[in-house]
Amino acid sequence: MFPVVTISGSTKFKKEFRDAAAKLEKAGCIVLTTHIFSHADNLTVTDEERKMYEKMYEQSIDMSSIVYVVNKNGYIGESTGKEIEYALMTGKEVRYLYGN
């Protein structure tokens, strides 16, 4: 059975997300991640969309055994912090791209 991994992190780090997804998939993981990089692509996100994305991420974490955090230069923003907190609260393993 292949592990399911959710990638979390700031949407500033589009390249790092894609690199991590490729690395994890090559290692035999099923990868769940965002495909909307609002910060990197300068997209406007409404409050309604943001709430929906938060719920979607919680659900993806529920479906995963591991949460992989893309924390370039040690950066963890507010949303990512909430995702990490949720993952730990639900007993998921959390791994960091650049240490924790």
PDB file of N, CA and C in Angstrom:
ATOM      1  N   MET A   1       0.848  -1.182   0.000  1.00  0.00           N
ATOM      2  CA  MET A   1       0.000   0.000   0.000  1.00  0.00           C
ATOM      3  C   MET A   1       0.893   1.244   0.000  1.00  0.00           C
ATOM      4  N   PHE A   2       0.548   2.203  -0.798  1.00  0.00           N
ATOM      5  CA  PHE A   2       1.337   3.420  -0.919  1.00  0.00           C
ATOM      6  C   PHE A   2       0.907   4.447   0.120  1.00  0.00           C
ATOM      7  N   PRO A   3       1.874   5.115   0.770  1.00  0.00           N
ATOM      8  CA  PRO A   3       1.504   6.144   1.739  1.00  0.00           C
ATOM      9  C   PRO A   3       0.910   7.360   1.034  1.00  0.00           C
ATOM     10  N   VAL A   4      -0.063   7.983   1.704  1.00  0.00           N
ATOM     11  CA  VAL A   4      -0.665   9.214   1.198  1.00  0.00           C
ATOM     12  C   VAL A   4      -0.046  10.368   1.972  1.00  0.00           C
ATOM     13  N   VAL A   5       0.449  11.364   1.231  1.00  0.00           N
ATOM     14  CA  VAL A   5       1.150  12.496   1.824  1.00  0.00           C
ATOM     15  C   VAL A   5       0.474  13.787   1.379  1.00  0.00           C
ATOM     16  N   THR A   6       0.217  14.670   2.328  1.00  0.00           N
ATOM     17  CA  THR A   6      -0.252  16.021   2.005  1.00  0.00           C
ATOM     18  C   THR A   6       0.935  16.963   2.116  1.00  0.00           C
ATOM     19  N   ILE A   7       1.138  17.780   1.088  1.00  0.00           N
ATOM     20  CA  ILE A   7       2.180  18.800   1.141  1.00  0.00           C
ATOM     21  C   ILE A   7       1.543  20.097   1.625  1.00  0.00           C
ATOM     22  N   SER A   8       2.169  20.695   2.620  1.00  0.00           N
ATOM     23  CA  SER A   8       1.696  21.939   3.218  1.00  0.00           C
ATOM     24  C   SER A   8       2.806  22.976   3.145  1.00  0.00           C
ATOM     25  N   GLY A   9       2.427  24.238   3.148  1.00  0.00           N
ATOM     26  CA  GLY A   9       3.415  25.310   3.136  1.00  0.00           C
ATOM     27  C   GLY A   9       2.840  26.553   2.501  1.00  0.00           C
ATOM     28  N   SER A  10       3.617  27.594   2.483  1.00  0.00           N
ATOM     29  CA  SER A  10       3.182  28.845   1.877  1.00  0.00           C
ATOM     30  C   SER A  10       3.093  28.694   0.365  1.00  0.00           C
ATOM     31  N   THR A  11       2.038  29.280  -0.207  1.00  0.00           N
ATOM     32  CA  THR A  11       1.903  29.236  -1.663  1.00  0.00           C
ATOM     33  C   THR A  11       2.880  30.189  -2.354  1.00  0.00           C
ATOM     34  N   LYS A  12       3.784  30.772  -1.585  1.00  0.00           N
ATOM     35  CA  LYS A  12       4.901  31.541  -2.163  1.00  0.00           C
ATOM     36  C   LYS A  12       5.883  30.598  -2.853  1.00  0.00           C
ATOM     37  N   PHE A  13       5.911  29.349  -2.383  1.00  0.00           N
ATOM     38  CA  PHE A  13       6.954  28.412  -2.758  1.00  0.00           C
ATOM     39  C   PHE A  13       6.483  27.405  -3.810  1.00  0.00           C
ATOM     40  N   LYS A  14       5.988  27.901  -4.910  1.00  0.00           N
ATOM     41  CA  LYS A  14       5.431  27.071  -5.986  1.00  0.00           C
ATOM     42  C   LYS A  14       6.448  26.042  -6.496  1.00  0.00           C
ATOM     43  N   LYS A  15       7.651  26.484  -6.812  1.00  0.00           N
ATOM     44  CA  LYS A  15       8.675  25.569  -7.330  1.00  0.00           C
ATOM     45  C   LYS A  15       8.999  24.484  -6.310  1.00  0.00           C
ATOM     46  N   GLU A  16       9.131  24.872  -5.054  1.00  0.00           N
ATOM     47  CA  GLU A  16       9.474  23.913  -4.000  1.00  0.00           C
ATOM     48  C   GLU A  16       8.349  22.892  -3.800  1.00  0.00           C
ATOM     49  N   PHE A  17       7.096  23.341  -3.903  1.00  0.00           N
ATOM     50  CA  PHE A  17       5.959  22.419  -3.824  1.00  0.00           C
ATOM     51  C   PHE A  17       6.050  21.393  -4.942  1.00  0.00           C
ATOM     52  N   ARG A  18       6.278  21.877  -6.151  1.00  0.00           N
ATOM     53  CA  ARG A  18       6.319  20.972  -7.306  1.00  0.00           C
ATOM     54  C   ARG A  18       7.506  20.019  -7.214  1.00  0.00           C
ATOM     55  N   ASP A  19       8.652  20.523  -6.777  1.00  0.00           N
ATOM     56  CA  ASP A  19       9.825  19.657  -6.600  1.00  0.00           C
ATOM     57  C   ASP A  19       9.548  18.587  -5.542  1.00  0.00           C
ATOM     58  N   ALA A  20       8.939  18.996  -4.433  1.00  0.00           N
ATOM     59  CA  ALA A  20       8.631  18.045  -3.359  1.00  0.00           C
ATOM     60  C   ALA A  20       7.631  16.996  -3.832  1.00  0.00           C
ATOM     61  N   ALA A  21       6.621  17.430  -4.572  1.00  0.00           N
ATOM     62  CA  ALA A  21       5.618  16.488  -5.079  1.00  0.00           C
ATOM     63  C   ALA A  21       6.263  15.453  -5.998  1.00  0.00           C
ATOM     64  N   ALA A  22       7.142  15.901  -6.879  1.00  0.00           N
ATOM     65  CA  ALA A  22       7.819  14.975  -7.791  1.00  0.00           C
ATOM     66  C   ALA A  22       8.700  13.994  -7.019  1.00  0.00           C
ATOM     67  N   LYS A  23       9.441  14.503  -6.048  1.00  0.00           N
ATOM     68  CA  LYS A  23      10.323  13.658  -5.232  1.00  0.00           C
ATOM     69  C   LYS A  23       9.515  12.606  -4.469  1.00  0.00           C
ATOM     70  N   LEU A  24       8.426  13.032  -3.857  1.00  0.00           N
ATOM     71  CA  LEU A  24       7.597  12.112  -3.080  1.00  0.00           C
ATOM     72  C   LEU A  24       6.919  11.078  -3.971  1.00  0.00           C
ATOM     73  N   GLU A  25       6.419  11.518  -5.135  1.00  0.00           N
ATOM     74  CA  GLU A  25       5.771  10.581  -6.048  1.00  0.00           C
ATOM     75  C   GLU A  25       6.772   9.555  -6.568  1.00  0.00           C
ATOM     76  N   LYS A  26       7.990  10.000  -6.897  1.00  0.00           N
ATOM     77  CA  LYS A  26       9.026   9.059  -7.349  1.00  0.00           C
ATOM     78  C   LYS A  26       9.377   8.051  -6.264  1.00  0.00           C
ATOM     79  N   ALA A  27       9.197   8.460  -5.002  1.00  0.00           N
ATOM     80  CA  ALA A  27       9.479   7.559  -3.878  1.00  0.00           C
ATOM     81  C   ALA A  27       8.295   6.632  -3.575  1.00  0.00           C
ATOM     82  N   GLY A  28       7.222   6.731  -4.360  1.00  0.00           N
ATOM     83  CA  GLY A  28       6.097   5.817  -4.181  1.00  0.00           C
ATOM     84  C   GLY A  28       4.976   6.343  -3.311  1.00  0.00           C
ATOM     85  N   CYS A  29       4.882   7.657  -3.159  1.00  0.00           N
ATOM     86  CA  CYS A  29       3.815   8.254  -2.348  1.00  0.00           C
ATOM     87  C   CYS A  29       2.702   8.789  -3.241  1.00  0.00           C
ATOM     88  N   ILE A  30       1.496   8.716  -2.739  1.00  0.00           N
ATOM     89  CA  ILE A  30       0.359   9.396  -3.350  1.00  0.00           C
ATOM     90  C   ILE A  30       0.348  10.787  -2.748  1.00  0.00           C
ATOM     91  N   VAL A  31       0.396  11.809  -3.581  1.00  0.00           N
ATOM     92  CA  VAL A  31       0.589  13.181  -3.107  1.00  0.00           C
ATOM     93  C   VAL A  31      -0.680  14.008  -3.266  1.00  0.00           C
ATOM     94  N   LEU A  32      -1.088  14.622  -2.163  1.00  0.00           N
ATOM     95  CA  LEU A  32      -2.193  15.575  -2.163  1.00  0.00           C
ATOM     96  C   LEU A  32      -1.606  16.951  -1.892  1.00  0.00           C
ATOM     97  N   THR A  33      -1.943  17.913  -2.725  1.00  0.00           N
ATOM     98  CA  THR A  33      -1.379  19.250  -2.566  1.00  0.00           C
ATOM     99  C   THR A  33      -2.234  20.274  -3.278  1.00  0.00           C
ATOM    100  N   THR A  34      -1.939  21.523  -3.034  1.00  0.00           N
ATOM    101  CA  THR A  34      -2.627  22.599  -3.730  1.00  0.00           C
ATOM    102  C   THR A  34      -2.120  22.722  -5.158  1.00  0.00           C
ATOM    103  N   HIS A  35      -2.966  23.262  -6.010  1.00  0.00           N
ATOM    104  CA  HIS A  35      -2.573  23.583  -7.376  1.00  0.00           C
ATOM    105  C   HIS A  35      -2.841  25.060  -7.654  1.00  0.00           C
ATOM    106  N   ILE A  36      -3.218  25.771  -6.600  1.00  0.00           N
ATOM    107  CA  ILE A  36      -3.486  27.204  -6.678  1.00  0.00           C
ATOM    108  C   ILE A  36      -2.449  27.905  -5.806  1.00  0.00           C
ATOM    109  N   PHE A  37      -1.529  28.597  -6.436  1.00  0.00           N
ATOM    110  CA  PHE A  37      -0.444  29.262  -5.725  1.00  0.00           C
ATOM    111  C   PHE A  37      -0.720  30.763  -5.700  1.00  0.00           C
ATOM    112  N   SER A  38      -1.634  31.137  -4.799  1.00  0.00           N
ATOM    113  CA  SER A  38      -2.121  32.521  -4.774  1.00  0.00           C
ATOM    114  C   SER A  38      -1.008  33.537  -4.541  1.00  0.00           C
ATOM    115  N   HIS A  39      -0.069  33.235  -3.658  1.00  0.00           N
ATOM    116  CA  HIS A  39       1.024  34.183  -3.412  1.00  0.00           C
ATOM    117  C   HIS A  39       1.992  34.243  -4.593  1.00  0.00           C
ATOM    118  N   ALA A  40       2.434  33.100  -5.060  1.00  0.00           N
ATOM    119  CA  ALA A  40       3.406  33.057  -6.162  1.00  0.00           C
ATOM    120  C   ALA A  40       2.831  33.657  -7.444  1.00  0.00           C
ATOM    121  N   ASP A  41       1.538  33.441  -7.668  1.00  0.00           N
ATOM    122  CA  ASP A  41       0.917  33.894  -8.909  1.00  0.00           C
ATOM    123  C   ASP A  41       0.123  35.193  -8.739  1.00  0.00           C
ATOM    124  N   ASN A  42       0.224  35.806  -7.571  1.00  0.00           N
ATOM    125  CA  ASN A  42      -0.481  37.065  -7.284  1.00  0.00           C
ATOM    126  C   ASN A  42      -1.983  36.973  -7.547  1.00  0.00           C
ATOM    127  N   LEU A  43      -2.604  35.918  -7.053  1.00  0.00           N
ATOM    128  CA  LEU A  43      -4.035  35.716  -7.218  1.00  0.00           C
ATOM    129  C   LEU A  43      -4.779  36.232  -5.993  1.00  0.00           C
ATOM    130  N   THR A  44      -5.929  36.784  -6.219  1.00  0.00           N
ATOM    131  CA  THR A  44      -6.779  37.231  -5.126  1.00  0.00           C
ATOM    132  C   THR A  44      -7.629  36.058  -4.654  1.00  0.00           C
ATOM    133  N   VAL A  45      -7.665  35.857  -3.347  1.00  0.00           N
ATOM    134  CA  VAL A  45      -8.467  34.797  -2.752  1.00  0.00           C
ATOM    135  C   VAL A  45      -9.485  35.458  -1.832  1.00  0.00           C
ATOM    136  N   THR A  46     -10.751  35.146  -2.047  1.00  0.00           N
ATOM    137  CA  THR A  46     -11.801  35.711  -1.208  1.00  0.00           C
ATOM    138  C   THR A  46     -11.821  35.005   0.146  1.00  0.00           C
ATOM    139  N   ASP A  47     -12.483  35.606   1.117  1.00  0.00           N
ATOM    140  CA  ASP A  47     -12.623  34.962   2.429  1.00  0.00           C
ATOM    141  C   ASP A  47     -13.352  33.630   2.301  1.00  0.00           C
ATOM    142  N   GLU A  48     -14.348  33.590   1.454  1.00  0.00           N
ATOM    143  CA  GLU A  48     -15.108  32.348   1.238  1.00  0.00           C
ATOM    144  C   GLU A  48     -14.207  31.258   0.657  1.00  0.00           C
ATOM    145  N   GLU A  49     -13.388  31.617  -0.324  1.00  0.00           N
ATOM    146  CA  GLU A  49     -12.454  30.646  -0.906  1.00  0.00           C
ATOM    147  C   GLU A  49     -11.439  30.188   0.130  1.00  0.00           C
ATOM    148  N   ARG A  50     -10.914  31.114   0.908  1.00  0.00           N
ATOM    149  CA  ARG A  50      -9.922  30.774   1.924  1.00  0.00           C
ATOM    150  C   ARG A  50     -10.493  29.765   2.925  1.00  0.00           C
ATOM    151  N   LYS A  51     -11.722  29.985   3.355  1.00  0.00           N
ATOM    152  CA  LYS A  51     -12.377  29.051   4.285  1.00  0.00           C
ATOM    153  C   LYS A  51     -12.549  27.683   3.634  1.00  0.00           C
ATOM    154  N   MET A  52     -12.935  27.683   2.357  1.00  0.00           N
ATOM    155  CA  MET A  52     -13.091  26.417   1.645  1.00  0.00           C
ATOM    156  C   MET A  52     -11.749  25.691   1.565  1.00  0.00           C
ATOM    157  N   TYR A  53     -10.676  26.417   1.219  1.00  0.00           N
ATOM    158  CA  TYR A  53      -9.356  25.798   1.124  1.00  0.00           C
ATOM    159  C   TYR A  53      -8.908  25.225   2.470  1.00  0.00           C
ATOM    160  N   GLU A  54      -9.195  25.939   3.546  1.00  0.00           N
ATOM    161  CA  GLU A  54      -8.842  25.433   4.884  1.00  0.00           C
ATOM    162  C   GLU A  54      -9.534  24.103   5.156  1.00  0.00           C
ATOM    163  N   LYS A  55     -10.818  24.009   4.836  1.00  0.00           N
ATOM    164  CA  LYS A  55     -11.567  22.760   5.043  1.00  0.00           C
ATOM    165  C   LYS A  55     -11.041  21.657   4.132  1.00  0.00           C
ATOM    166  N   MET A  56     -10.698  22.022   2.890  1.00  0.00           N
ATOM    167  CA  MET A  56     -10.155  21.027   1.966  1.00  0.00           C
ATOM    168  C   MET A  56      -8.826  20.483   2.485  1.00  0.00           C
ATOM    169  N   TYR A  57      -7.996  21.375   3.035  1.00  0.00           N
ATOM    170  CA  TYR A  57      -6.706  20.926   3.557  1.00  0.00           C
ATOM    171  C   TYR A  57      -6.887  20.031   4.769  1.00  0.00           C
ATOM    172  N   GLU A  58      -7.836  20.363   5.630  1.00  0.00           N
ATOM    173  CA  GLU A  58      -8.117  19.486   6.768  1.00  0.00           C
ATOM    174  C   GLU A  58      -8.527  18.100   6.274  1.00  0.00           C
ATOM    175  N   GLN A  59      -9.370  18.065   5.257  1.00  0.00           N
ATOM    176  CA  GLN A  59      -9.801  16.775   4.723  1.00  0.00           C
ATOM    177  C   GLN A  59      -8.630  16.024   4.093  1.00  0.00           C
ATOM    178  N   SER A  60      -7.751  16.721   3.380  1.00  0.00           N
ATOM    179  CA  SER A  60      -6.601  16.035   2.788  1.00  0.00           C
ATOM    180  C   SER A  60      -5.674  15.500   3.880  1.00  0.00           C
ATOM    181  N   ILE A  61      -5.525  16.248   4.966  1.00  0.00           N
ATOM    182  CA  ILE A  61      -4.724  15.768   6.098  1.00  0.00           C
ATOM    183  C   ILE A  61      -5.370  14.530   6.710  1.00  0.00           C
ATOM    184  N   ASP A  62      -6.690  14.534   6.827  1.00  0.00           N
ATOM    185  CA  ASP A  62      -7.403  13.366   7.349  1.00  0.00           C
ATOM    186  C   ASP A  62      -7.144  12.127   6.498  1.00  0.00           C
ATOM    187  N   MET A  63      -6.990  12.307   5.196  1.00  0.00           N
ATOM    188  CA  MET A  63      -6.774  11.186   4.285  1.00  0.00           C
ATOM    189  C   MET A  63      -5.312  10.743   4.228  1.00  0.00           C
ATOM    190  N   SER A  64      -4.422  11.509   4.825  1.00  0.00           N
ATOM    191  CA  SER A  64      -2.981  11.254   4.739  1.00  0.00           C
ATOM    192  C   SER A  64      -2.438  10.574   5.984  1.00  0.00           C
ATOM    193  N   SER A  65      -1.292   9.953   5.809  1.00  0.00           N
ATOM    194  CA  SER A  65      -0.570   9.434   6.971  1.00  0.00           C
ATOM    195  C   SER A  65       0.571  10.370   7.347  1.00  0.00           C
ATOM    196  N   ILE A  66       0.995  11.211   6.390  1.00  0.00           N
ATOM    197  CA  ILE A  66       2.124  12.118   6.600  1.00  0.00           C
ATOM    198  C   ILE A  66       1.771  13.495   6.040  1.00  0.00           C
ATOM    199  N   VAL A  67       2.197  14.537   6.740  1.00  0.00           N
ATOM    200  CA  VAL A  67       2.126  15.900   6.223  1.00  0.00           C
ATOM    201  C   VAL A  67       3.560  16.354   6.023  1.00  0.00           C
ATOM    202  N   TYR A  68       3.861  16.761   4.812  1.00  0.00           N
ATOM    203  CA  TYR A  68       5.207  17.197   4.434  1.00  0.00           C
ATOM    204  C   TYR A  68       5.168  18.709   4.289  1.00  0.00           C
ATOM    205  N   VAL A  69       5.926  19.413   5.113  1.00  0.00           N
ATOM    206  CA  VAL A  69       5.885  20.869   5.153  1.00  0.00           C
ATOM    207  C   VAL A  69       7.026  21.452   4.331  1.00  0.00           C
ATOM    208  N   VAL A  70       6.652  22.249   3.332  1.00  0.00           N
ATOM    209  CA  VAL A  70       7.629  23.000   2.543  1.00  0.00           C
ATOM    210  C   VAL A  70       7.851  24.312   3.298  1.00  0.00           C
ATOM    211  N   ASN A  71       8.975  24.399   3.970  1.00  0.00           N
ATOM    212  CA  ASN A  71       9.278  25.560   4.821  1.00  0.00           C
ATOM    213  C   ASN A  71      10.598  26.192   4.404  1.00  0.00           C
ATOM    214  N   LYS A  72      10.620  26.670   3.174  1.00  0.00           N
ATOM    215  CA  LYS A  72      11.832  27.294   2.624  1.00  0.00           C
ATOM    216  C   LYS A  72      12.324  28.392   3.559  1.00  0.00           C
ATOM    217  N   ASN A  73      13.625  28.392   3.808  1.00  0.00           N
ATOM    218  CA  ASN A  73      14.261  29.351   4.717  1.00  0.00           C
ATOM    219  C   ASN A  73      13.635  29.324   6.114  1.00  0.00           C
ATOM    220  N   GLY A  74      13.045  28.193   6.486  1.00  0.00           N
ATOM    221  CA  GLY A  74      12.425  28.053   7.804  1.00  0.00           C
ATOM    222  C   GLY A  74      11.085  28.743   7.935  1.00  0.00           C
ATOM    223  N   TYR A  75      10.536  29.268   6.828  1.00  0.00           N
ATOM    224  CA  TYR A  75       9.298  30.042   6.897  1.00  0.00           C
ATOM    225  C   TYR A  75       8.064  29.152   7.060  1.00  0.00           C
ATOM    226  N   ILE A  76       7.291  29.445   8.086  1.00  0.00           N
ATOM    227  CA  ILE A  76       5.992  28.808   8.295  1.00  0.00           C
ATOM    228  C   ILE A  76       5.010  29.928   8.615  1.00  0.00           C
ATOM    229  N   GLY A  77       4.068  30.139   7.712  1.00  0.00           N
ATOM    230  CA  GLY A  77       3.067  31.186   7.904  1.00  0.00           C
ATOM    231  C   GLY A  77       1.924  30.724   8.788  1.00  0.00           C
ATOM    232  N   GLU A  78       0.982  31.611   8.987  1.00  0.00           N
ATOM    233  CA  GLU A  78      -0.154  31.345   9.872  1.00  0.00           C
ATOM    234  C   GLU A  78      -0.987  30.144   9.409  1.00  0.00           C
ATOM    235  N   SER A  79      -1.330  30.099   8.135  1.00  0.00           N
ATOM    236  CA  SER A  79      -2.149  28.990   7.623  1.00  0.00           C
ATOM    237  C   SER A  79      -1.418  27.661   7.745  1.00  0.00           C
ATOM    238  N   THR A  80      -0.142  27.660   7.386  1.00  0.00           N
ATOM    239  CA  THR A  80       0.645  26.426   7.496  1.00  0.00           C
ATOM    240  C   THR A  80       0.763  26.002   8.951  1.00  0.00           C
ATOM    241  N   GLY A  81       0.946  26.964   9.850  1.00  0.00           N
ATOM    242  CA  GLY A  81       0.999  26.654  11.279  1.00  0.00           C
ATOM    243  C   GLY A  81      -0.273  25.967  11.749  1.00  0.00           C
ATOM    244  N   LYS A  82      -1.418  26.439  11.265  1.00  0.00           N
ATOM    245  CA  LYS A  82      -2.701  25.820  11.623  1.00  0.00           C
ATOM    246  C   LYS A  82      -2.800  24.405  11.066  1.00  0.00           C
ATOM    247  N   GLU A  83      -2.287  24.210   9.849  1.00  0.00           N
ATOM    248  CA  GLU A  83      -2.310  22.875   9.243  1.00  0.00           C
ATOM    249  C   GLU A  83      -1.419  21.910  10.021  1.00  0.00           C
ATOM    250  N   ILE A  84      -0.252  22.376  10.445  1.00  0.00           N
ATOM    251  CA  ILE A  84       0.647  21.544  11.247  1.00  0.00           C
ATOM    252  C   ILE A  84      -0.026  21.185  12.570  1.00  0.00           C
ATOM    253  N   GLU A  85      -0.615  22.174  13.204  1.00  0.00           N
ATOM    254  CA  GLU A  85      -1.313  21.953  14.479  1.00  0.00           C
ATOM    255  C   GLU A  85      -2.427  20.921  14.306  1.00  0.00           C
ATOM    256  N   TYR A  86      -3.203  21.045  13.236  1.00  0.00           N
ATOM    257  CA  TYR A  86      -4.288  20.101  12.965  1.00  0.00           C
ATOM    258  C   TYR A  86      -3.725  18.701  12.736  1.00  0.00           C
ATOM    259  N   ALA A  87      -2.656  18.615  11.948  1.00  0.00           N
ATOM    260  CA  ALA A  87      -2.050  17.309  11.674  1.00  0.00           C
ATOM    261  C   ALA A  87      -1.574  16.637  12.955  1.00  0.00           C
ATOM    262  N   LEU A  88      -0.896  17.379  13.793  1.00  0.00           N
ATOM    263  CA  LEU A  88      -0.404  16.808  15.055  1.00  0.00           C
ATOM    264  C   LEU A  88      -1.553  16.420  15.974  1.00  0.00           C
ATOM    265  N   MET A  89      -2.583  17.257  16.005  1.00  0.00           N
ATOM    266  CA  MET A  89      -3.748  16.991  16.851  1.00  0.00           C
ATOM    267  C   MET A  89      -4.469  15.706  16.415  1.00  0.00           C
ATOM    268  N   THR A  90      -4.399  15.391  15.119  1.00  0.00           N
ATOM    269  CA  THR A  90      -5.066  14.198  14.607  1.00  0.00           C
ATOM    270  C   THR A  90      -4.111  13.012  14.479  1.00  0.00           C
ATOM    271  N   GLY A  91      -2.909  13.154  15.042  1.00  0.00           N
ATOM    272  CA  GLY A  91      -1.981  12.035  15.109  1.00  0.00           C
ATOM    273  C   GLY A  91      -1.194  11.753  13.845  1.00  0.00           C
ATOM    274  N   LYS A  92      -1.099  12.728  12.957  1.00  0.00           N
ATOM    275  CA  LYS A  92      -0.354  12.520  11.714  1.00  0.00           C
ATOM    276  C   LYS A  92       1.127  12.818  11.919  1.00  0.00           C
ATOM    277  N   GLU A  93       1.953  12.117  11.172  1.00  0.00           N
ATOM    278  CA  GLU A  93       3.387  12.396  11.183  1.00  0.00           C
ATOM    279  C   GLU A  93       3.621  13.676  10.384  1.00  0.00           C
ATOM    280  N   VAL A  94       4.474  14.553  10.897  1.00  0.00           N
ATOM    281  CA  VAL A  94       4.811  15.795  10.197  1.00  0.00           C
ATOM    282  C   VAL A  94       6.299  15.781   9.910  1.00  0.00           C
ATOM    283  N   ARG A  95       6.636  15.975   8.630  1.00  0.00           N
ATOM    284  CA  ARG A  95       8.038  16.069   8.210  1.00  0.00           C
ATOM    285  C   ARG A  95       8.249  17.441   7.580  1.00  0.00           C
ATOM    286  N   TYR A  96       9.477  17.915   7.671  1.00  0.00           N
ATOM    287  CA  TYR A  96       9.796  19.249   7.176  1.00  0.00           C
ATOM    288  C   TYR A  96      10.873  19.165   6.096  1.00  0.00           C
ATOM    289  N   LEU A  97      10.706  19.952   5.038  1.00  0.00           N
ATOM    290  CA  LEU A  97      11.692  20.005   3.979  1.00  0.00           C
ATOM    291  C   LEU A  97      13.025  20.523   4.497  1.00  0.00           C
ATOM    292  N   TYR A  98      12.989  21.578   5.330  1.00  0.00           N
ATOM    293  CA  TYR A  98      14.211  22.202   5.851  1.00  0.00           C
ATOM    294  C   TYR A  98      14.294  22.099   7.360  1.00  0.00           C
ATOM    295  N   GLY A  99      14.046  20.941   7.911  1.00  0.00           N
ATOM    296  CA  GLY A  99      14.109  20.778   9.363  1.00  0.00           C
ATOM    297  C   GLY A  99      12.950  21.457  10.041  1.00  0.00           C
ATOM    298  N   ASN A 100      12.896  21.319  11.355  1.00  0.00           N
ATOM    299  CA  ASN A 100      11.800  21.973  12.084  1.00  0.00           C
ATOM    300  C   ASN A 100      12.395  22.759  13.165  1.00  0.00           C
TER     301      ASN A 100
END
